[in-house]
Amino acid sequence: MFQILYTLEAKERLSEIVQSDPKSARIIFDHIKKLPQTYRTDPFLQGVHFKGLRRNRIGRYRFIYRVLENEKEIRIVTINLRKSIHD
């Protein structure tokens, strides 16, 4: 079973998003809950050992997370606003 851990920065950012944009926060939490499942079932990801960081986008938010397969954990490193050229 994967354990999902958050860095302090990611926790603080999430609590800001929860207060300022609750709708997106719900989508983000749903996505995070599905990460371990996605990692195991996505054929593109299978057999890949993440030594570096993995990026993912949801709406305006960008996730940077690390999967440590040996420890069976997914560490949410940071969540930030995507910088859009249209902003």
C-alpha atoms as a PDB file:
ATOM      1  CA  MET A   1       0.000   0.000   0.000  1.00  0.00           C
ATOM      2  CA  PHE A   2       1.328   3.395  -0.965  1.00  0.00           C
ATOM      3  CA  GLN A   3       1.594   6.059   1.647  1.00  0.00           C
ATOM      4  CA  ILE A   4       1.036   9.646   0.535  1.00  0.00           C
ATOM      5  CA  LEU A   5       3.186  12.214   2.313  1.00  0.00           C
ATOM      6  CA  TYR A   6       3.155  15.980   1.947  1.00  0.00           C
ATOM      7  CA  THR A   7       6.009  18.384   2.438  1.00  0.00           C
ATOM      8  CA  LEU A   8       5.254  21.394   4.629  1.00  0.00           C
ATOM      9  CA  GLU A   9       5.201  23.629   1.545  1.00  0.00           C
ATOM     10  CA  ALA A  10       2.612  21.416  -0.164  1.00  0.00           C
ATOM     11  CA  LYS A  11       0.442  21.320   2.988  1.00  0.00           C
ATOM     12  CA  GLU A  12       0.485  25.108   3.290  1.00  0.00           C
ATOM     13  CA  ARG A  13      -0.292  25.537  -0.384  1.00  0.00           C
ATOM     14  CA  LEU A  14      -3.165  23.076  -0.203  1.00  0.00           C
ATOM     15  CA  SER A  15      -4.727  24.870   2.747  1.00  0.00           C
ATOM     16  CA  GLU A  16      -4.512  28.171   0.805  1.00  0.00           C
ATOM     17  CA  ILE A  17      -6.203  26.553  -2.195  1.00  0.00           C
ATOM     18  CA  VAL A  18      -8.910  25.031   0.034  1.00  0.00           C
ATOM     19  CA  GLN A  19      -9.771  28.517   1.310  1.00  0.00           C
ATOM     20  CA  SER A  20      -9.490  30.456  -1.944  1.00  0.00           C
ATOM     21  CA  ASP A  21     -10.687  27.874  -4.474  1.00  0.00           C
ATOM     22  CA  PRO A  22     -12.586  25.021  -2.757  1.00  0.00           C
ATOM     23  CA  LYS A  23     -13.861  23.570  -6.035  1.00  0.00           C
ATOM     24  CA  SER A  24     -10.345  23.080  -7.399  1.00  0.00           C
ATOM     25  CA  ALA A  25      -9.196  21.809  -4.006  1.00  0.00           C
ATOM     26  CA  ARG A  26     -11.733  18.985  -4.200  1.00  0.00           C
ATOM     27  CA  ILE A  27     -10.468  18.025  -7.681  1.00  0.00           C
ATOM     28  CA  ILE A  28      -6.884  18.130  -6.413  1.00  0.00           C
ATOM     29  CA  PHE A  29      -7.664  15.852  -3.445  1.00  0.00           C
ATOM     30  CA  ASP A  30      -9.464  13.392  -5.735  1.00  0.00           C
ATOM     31  CA  HIS A  31      -6.464  13.355  -8.032  1.00  0.00           C
ATOM     32  CA  ILE A  32      -4.018  12.781  -5.179  1.00  0.00           C
ATOM     33  CA  LYS A  33      -6.143   9.897  -3.874  1.00  0.00           C
ATOM     34  CA  LYS A  34      -5.946   8.246  -7.303  1.00  0.00           C
ATOM     35  CA  LEU A  35      -2.176   8.644  -7.688  1.00  0.00           C
ATOM     36  CA  PRO A  36      -1.131   5.255  -6.244  1.00  0.00           C
ATOM     37  CA  GLN A  37      -3.774   3.495  -8.321  1.00  0.00           C
ATOM     38  CA  THR A  38      -2.728   5.352 -11.493  1.00  0.00           C
ATOM     39  CA  TYR A  39       0.886   4.548 -10.849  1.00  0.00           C
ATOM     40  CA  ARG A  40       0.135   0.825 -10.632  1.00  0.00           C
ATOM     41  CA  THR A  41      -2.306   0.553 -13.549  1.00  0.00           C
ATOM     42  CA  ASP A  42      -0.999   2.987 -16.170  1.00  0.00           C
ATOM     43  CA  PRO A  43       1.070   0.895 -18.644  1.00  0.00           C
ATOM     44  CA  PHE A  44       3.199   3.944 -19.430  1.00  0.00           C
ATOM     45  CA  LEU A  45       4.231   4.270 -15.795  1.00  0.00           C
ATOM     46  CA  GLN A  46       4.662   0.588 -14.958  1.00  0.00           C
ATOM     47  CA  GLY A  47       8.215  -0.523 -14.474  1.00  0.00           C
ATOM     48  CA  VAL A  48       9.400   3.064 -14.275  1.00  0.00           C
ATOM     49  CA  HIS A  49      11.373   3.905 -11.174  1.00  0.00           C
ATOM     50  CA  PHE A  50      10.943   7.565 -10.424  1.00  0.00           C
ATOM     51  CA  LYS A  51      14.295   8.808  -9.317  1.00  0.00           C
ATOM     52  CA  GLY A  52      13.303  12.354 -10.149  1.00  0.00           C
ATOM     53  CA  LEU A  53      10.133  14.362  -9.908  1.00  0.00           C
ATOM     54  CA  ARG A  54       6.903  13.778 -11.736  1.00  0.00           C
ATOM     55  CA  ARG A  55       4.734  16.665 -12.862  1.00  0.00           C
ATOM     56  CA  ASN A  56       1.011  16.773 -13.347  1.00  0.00           C
ATOM     57  CA  ARG A  57      -1.450  19.549 -14.076  1.00  0.00           C
ATOM     58  CA  ILE A  58      -5.008  20.100 -12.975  1.00  0.00           C
ATOM     59  CA  GLY A  59      -6.564  23.264 -14.263  1.00  0.00           C
ATOM     60  CA  ARG A  60      -4.410  26.149 -13.116  1.00  0.00           C
ATOM     61  CA  TYR A  61      -2.505  24.031 -10.619  1.00  0.00           C
ATOM     62  CA  ARG A  62       0.713  22.171 -11.176  1.00  0.00           C
ATOM     63  CA  PHE A  63       1.773  19.301  -8.953  1.00  0.00           C
ATOM     64  CA  ILE A  64       5.298  18.193  -8.498  1.00  0.00           C
ATOM     65  CA  TYR A  65       5.542  14.875  -6.766  1.00  0.00           C
ATOM     66  CA  ARG A  66       8.027  12.094  -6.257  1.00  0.00           C
ATOM     67  CA  VAL A  67       7.308   8.391  -6.184  1.00  0.00           C
ATOM     68  CA  LEU A  68       9.688   6.369  -4.051  1.00  0.00           C
ATOM     69  CA  GLU A  69       8.920   2.831  -5.064  1.00  0.00           C
ATOM     70  CA  ASN A  70      11.087   1.036  -2.517  1.00  0.00           C
ATOM     71  CA  GLU A  71       9.441   2.793   0.404  1.00  0.00           C
ATOM     72  CA  LYS A  72       6.055   2.570  -1.331  1.00  0.00           C
ATOM     73  CA  GLU A  73       5.345   6.210  -0.869  1.00  0.00           C
ATOM     74  CA  ILE A  74       4.293   9.136  -2.969  1.00  0.00           C
ATOM     75  CA  ARG A  75       5.647  12.400  -1.684  1.00  0.00           C
ATOM     76  CA  ILE A  76       3.734  15.499  -2.760  1.00  0.00           C
ATOM     77  CA  VAL A  77       6.573  17.967  -3.050  1.00  0.00           C
ATOM     78  CA  THR A  78       4.799  21.100  -4.159  1.00  0.00           C
ATOM     79  CA  ILE A  79       1.574  22.405  -5.643  1.00  0.00           C
ATOM     80  CA  ASN A  80       1.604  25.767  -7.332  1.00  0.00           C
ATOM     81  CA  LEU A  81      -0.216  27.939  -9.817  1.00  0.00           C
ATOM     82  CA  ARG A  82       0.723  27.257 -13.384  1.00  0.00           C
ATOM     83  CA  LYS A  83       2.107  30.349 -15.030  1.00  0.00           C
ATOM     84  CA  SER A  84       0.059  30.880 -18.148  1.00  0.00           C
ATOM     85  CA  ILE A  85       1.137  33.101 -21.021  1.00  0.00           C
ATOM     86  CA  HIS A  86      -2.479  34.286 -21.181  1.00  0.00           C
ATOM     87  CA  ASP A  87      -2.490  35.633 -17.607  1.00  0.00           C
END
